[in-house]
Amino acid sequence: QVQLVESGGGLVQAGGSLRLSCAASGRRFGLYVLGWHRQAPGKQRDLVASVNRNGLTNYADSVKGRFTISGDFAKSTVSLQMSSLKPEDTAVYYCQAYDAATGTEYWGQGTQVTVSA
């Protein structure tokens, strides 16, 4: 079992920056992908960015050029540097991990990011 804990959420004005961090604990030796998803009220939970053990990254089109994901699989941590934030980025951001050994997906409890105009 893997536990994920997010931190770094908060309130920021449009154009500002925020850095989210996530730390995994427990049986995490099989983790292959670490990422971030977000969910706004009334909307589905969507991928923001992900990174695998080989350094391959994926980004949602809406955040390309503004967000940067960094994963440290040795430490089982992942961060999301968010810049040029927009009100549309307001959502609960969830840390996600995929364990290739068990085929299990894990989720953190989420951290609120609010961007004011």
Protein backbone atom coordinates (compact mmCIF):
# COMPACT_ATOMS: atom_id res chain seq x y z
CA GLN A 1 0.00 0.00 0.00
CA VAL A 2 1.17 3.50 -0.90
CA GLN A 3 0.14 6.69 0.82
CA LEU A 4 0.40 10.05 -0.93
CA VAL A 5 0.37 13.42 0.80
CA GLU A 6 0.15 16.70 -1.10
CA SER A 7 1.22 20.11 0.11
CA GLY A 8 1.71 23.62 -1.23
CA GLY A 9 -1.81 24.57 -2.24
CA GLY A 10 -3.21 27.97 -1.46
CA LEU A 11 -4.58 31.23 -2.75
CA VAL A 12 -2.70 33.19 -5.38
CA GLN A 13 -3.51 36.04 -7.74
CA ALA A 14 -3.62 35.55 -11.48
CA GLY A 15 -0.14 35.66 -12.94
CA GLY A 16 1.41 34.35 -9.77
CA SER A 17 3.23 31.12 -9.04
CA LEU A 18 2.75 28.19 -6.74
CA ARG A 19 4.64 24.96 -6.15
CA LEU A 20 2.88 21.75 -5.18
CA SER A 21 4.71 18.84 -3.62
CA CYS A 22 3.77 15.23 -3.00
CA ALA A 23 5.51 12.58 -0.96
CA ALA A 24 4.78 8.87 -1.19
CA SER A 25 5.28 6.43 1.64
CA GLY A 26 4.64 2.78 2.30
CA ARG A 27 5.31 0.01 -0.22
CA ARG A 28 6.46 2.24 -3.05
CA PHE A 29 9.25 0.26 -4.71
CA GLY A 30 7.16 -0.48 -7.80
CA LEU A 31 6.13 3.07 -8.62
CA TYR A 32 6.48 3.81 -12.32
CA VAL A 33 4.49 6.98 -12.91
CA LEU A 34 3.95 10.00 -10.69
CA GLY A 35 1.60 12.75 -11.65
CA TRP A 36 -0.91 15.43 -10.87
CA HIS A 37 -4.59 15.63 -11.70
CA ARG A 38 -7.05 18.36 -10.89
CA GLN A 39 -10.78 18.62 -10.43
CA ALA A 40 -12.89 21.75 -10.39
CA PRO A 41 -16.42 21.73 -8.96
CA GLY A 42 -18.83 20.17 -11.42
CA LYS A 43 -16.06 18.88 -13.65
CA GLN A 44 -14.24 15.61 -14.09
CA ARG A 45 -10.81 14.90 -12.72
CA ASP A 46 -8.30 15.48 -15.51
CA LEU A 47 -4.60 14.94 -15.98
CA VAL A 48 -2.42 17.99 -15.44
CA ALA A 49 1.03 16.44 -15.80
CA SER A 50 2.83 13.16 -15.27
CA VAL A 51 6.36 11.83 -15.32
CA ASN A 52 7.67 8.28 -15.45
CA ARG A 53 10.90 6.71 -14.21
CA ASN A 54 12.59 7.39 -17.54
CA GLY A 55 11.84 11.08 -17.32
CA LEU A 56 9.09 11.08 -19.93
CA THR A 57 6.60 13.83 -19.18
CA ASN A 58 3.07 14.52 -20.31
CA TYR A 59 1.20 17.78 -19.92
CA ALA A 60 -2.32 18.89 -20.52
CA ASP A 61 -2.45 21.36 -23.38
CA SER A 62 -3.90 23.98 -21.07
CA VAL A 63 -0.79 24.04 -18.86
CA LYS A 64 2.01 23.52 -21.37
CA GLY A 65 4.64 26.20 -21.05
CA ARG A 66 3.35 27.27 -17.64
CA PHE A 67 3.64 24.18 -15.44
CA THR A 68 6.66 21.96 -14.89
CA ILE A 69 6.54 18.54 -13.26
CA SER A 70 9.56 17.05 -11.53
CA GLY A 71 9.73 13.52 -10.18
CA ASP A 72 12.33 12.00 -7.91
CA PHE A 73 11.68 8.28 -7.89
CA ALA A 74 14.55 7.62 -5.52
CA LYS A 75 12.79 9.76 -2.93
CA SER A 76 9.29 8.92 -4.17
CA THR A 77 8.40 12.57 -4.47
CA VAL A 78 6.90 14.66 -7.22
CA SER A 79 6.39 18.38 -7.52
CA LEU A 80 4.50 20.70 -9.81
CA GLN A 81 5.82 24.18 -10.39
CA MET A 82 2.95 26.35 -11.56
CA SER A 83 3.59 29.75 -13.10
CA SER A 84 1.48 32.35 -14.88
CA LEU A 85 -1.52 31.00 -13.04
CA LYS A 86 -4.98 31.70 -14.38
CA PRO A 87 -8.38 31.63 -12.67
CA GLU A 88 -9.15 28.58 -14.82
CA ASP A 89 -6.44 26.72 -12.91
CA THR A 90 -8.55 26.84 -9.75
CA ALA A 91 -9.21 23.29 -8.64
CA VAL A 92 -8.34 20.62 -6.15
CA TYR A 93 -5.04 19.12 -7.22
CA TYR A 94 -4.45 15.44 -6.56
CA CYS A 95 -1.17 13.60 -6.48
CA GLN A 96 -1.27 10.28 -8.34
CA ALA A 97 1.05 7.31 -8.46
CA TYR A 98 0.96 4.16 -10.56
CA ASP A 99 2.54 0.97 -9.31
CA ALA A 100 3.50 -1.12 -12.32
CA ALA A 101 4.30 -4.13 -10.14
CA THR A 102 0.73 -4.46 -8.92
CA GLY A 103 -1.16 -2.42 -11.50
CA THR A 104 -2.45 -0.24 -8.69
CA GLU A 105 -3.24 3.46 -8.91
CA TYR A 106 -2.95 5.58 -5.77
CA TRP A 107 -4.35 9.02 -4.99
CA GLY A 108 -3.64 11.66 -2.42
CA GLN A 109 -6.35 13.53 -0.57
CA GLY A 110 -5.93 16.65 -2.67
CA THR A 111 -4.84 20.21 -2.07
CA GLN A 112 -6.86 23.28 -3.00
CA VAL A 113 -5.44 25.80 -5.45
CA THR A 114 -7.40 29.00 -5.89
CA VAL A 115 -6.39 31.64 -8.41
CA SER A 116 -8.11 34.99 -8.13
CA ALA A 117 -8.48 37.43 -10.98
